[in-house]
Protein backbone atom coordinates (compact mmCIF):
# COMPACT_ATOMS: atom_id res chain seq x y z
CA GLU A 1 -59.47 -31.51 163.18
CA TYR A 2 -56.59 -30.93 160.73
CA THR A 3 -54.09 -32.56 163.08
CA GLU A 4 -56.18 -35.74 163.01
CA LEU A 5 -56.51 -35.48 159.23
CA ASN A 6 -52.76 -35.15 158.81
CA SER A 7 -52.15 -38.03 161.20
CA SER A 8 -54.51 -40.23 159.19
CA LEU A 9 -52.89 -39.11 155.94
CA ASN A 10 -49.45 -39.97 157.29
CA GLN A 11 -50.65 -43.40 158.40
CA LEU A 12 -52.07 -44.11 154.94
CA LEU A 13 -48.86 -43.04 153.23
CA GLU A 14 -46.70 -45.04 155.64
CA SER A 15 -48.90 -48.06 154.84
CA GLY A 16 -48.15 -47.72 151.14
CA ALA A 17 -50.93 -45.52 149.77
CA ASP A 18 -50.01 -43.89 146.46
CA VAL A 19 -49.21 -40.22 147.18
CA ASN A 20 -49.92 -39.38 143.53
CA SER A 21 -53.13 -41.36 143.13
CA LEU A 22 -55.57 -39.79 140.69
CA SER A 23 -59.31 -39.39 141.07
CA SER A 24 -61.62 -39.65 138.05
CA ARG A 25 -61.01 -35.92 137.50
CA LYS A 26 -57.23 -36.42 137.76
CA THR A 27 -57.01 -34.65 141.12
CA THR A 28 -54.43 -35.82 143.61
CA PRO A 29 -54.25 -35.49 147.38
CA LEU A 30 -51.85 -32.58 146.78
CA HIS A 31 -54.54 -30.74 144.78
CA HIS A 32 -57.02 -31.15 147.63
CA ALA A 33 -54.56 -29.97 150.29
CA ALA A 34 -53.65 -26.95 148.15
CA LYS A 35 -57.31 -26.06 147.56
CA ALA A 36 -57.86 -26.09 151.33
CA GLY A 37 -54.61 -24.28 152.09
CA HIS A 38 -53.67 -27.06 154.46
CA SER A 39 -49.93 -26.55 154.87
CA GLU A 40 -49.43 -29.44 157.28
CA CYS A 41 -50.94 -31.95 154.83
CA LEU A 42 -48.99 -30.38 151.94
CA ALA A 43 -45.77 -30.90 153.88
CA THR A 44 -46.66 -34.53 154.62
CA LEU A 45 -47.50 -35.22 150.98
CA LEU A 46 -44.33 -33.55 149.76
CA GLU A 47 -42.24 -35.52 152.27
CA HIS A 48 -43.66 -38.63 150.59
CA HIS A 49 -42.61 -37.32 147.17
CA ALA A 50 -45.89 -35.94 145.83
CA ASP A 51 -45.37 -34.67 142.28
CA VAL A 52 -45.97 -30.90 142.22
CA MET A 53 -46.28 -30.89 138.41
CA LEU A 54 -49.30 -33.19 138.17
CA ARG A 55 -52.31 -31.43 136.68
CA ASP A 56 -55.97 -32.25 137.01
CA GLU A 57 -58.44 -31.21 134.31
CA SER A 58 -57.52 -27.55 134.78
CA THR A 59 -54.38 -26.82 136.81
CA THR A 60 -51.72 -27.90 139.28
CA ALA A 61 -51.87 -27.81 143.08
CA PHE A 62 -49.93 -24.55 142.91
CA GLY A 63 -52.58 -23.07 140.62
CA TYR A 64 -55.30 -23.92 143.13
CA ALA A 65 -53.33 -22.47 146.03
CA VAL A 66 -52.88 -19.19 144.16
CA LYS A 67 -56.50 -19.01 142.97
CA ARG A 68 -57.77 -19.59 146.50
CA GLY A 69 -55.38 -17.09 148.07
CA HIS A 70 -53.39 -19.64 150.05
CA MET A 71 -50.03 -17.94 149.66
CA ASP A 72 -48.22 -20.02 152.30
CA ALA A 73 -49.29 -23.14 150.43
CA ALA A 74 -48.21 -21.60 147.11
CA ARG A 75 -44.76 -20.78 148.52
CA THR A 76 -44.44 -24.31 149.89
CA LEU A 77 -45.28 -25.76 146.48
CA LEU A 78 -42.84 -23.47 144.68
CA ALA A 79 -40.06 -24.48 147.06
CA ALA A 80 -40.94 -28.14 146.49
CA ALA A 81 -40.84 -27.67 142.71
CA GLU A 82 -37.39 -26.14 142.96
CA LYS A 83 -36.23 -28.98 145.23
CA GLN A 84 -37.69 -31.61 142.87
CA GLY A 85 -36.34 -30.18 139.66
CA GLY A 86 -34.44 -26.96 140.13
CA ALA A 87 -35.28 -23.41 139.18
CA ALA A 88 -36.45 -24.42 135.69
CA LEU A 89 -39.17 -26.66 137.12
CA ARG A 90 -40.17 -23.92 139.55
CA GLN A 91 -40.54 -21.48 136.64
CA GLN A 92 -42.48 -24.04 134.61
CA LEU A 93 -44.94 -24.38 137.48
CA VAL A 94 -45.43 -20.61 137.61
CA ASN A 95 -45.90 -20.49 133.84
CA LEU A 96 -48.53 -23.23 133.96
CA ALA A 97 -50.49 -21.36 136.59
CA ASP A 98 -50.24 -18.11 134.61
CA SER A 99 -51.45 -19.75 131.41
CA LYS A 100 -54.55 -21.13 133.12
CA GLY A 101 -55.59 -17.85 134.74
């Protein structure tokens, strides 16, 4: 099931879909993958330059991963934040999650 989902996601992104597209509640595909703890989809989204700092109405994808207990996903997102913007961005992501409970 998830392999097919990731395959479809990859096809959409390869066809030009916006990896950082926002829903009406400002959620992104990265938020949804983090909520589900779907590491394979997270990796695909991050390979296509998903922005780990984007927030919906309440938190970042990292915040959802932590709240839902998806620690592998949280670690993946922290590593991506550091890759995207260095240790300072990684710390900013942690601080955002801490401030939102």
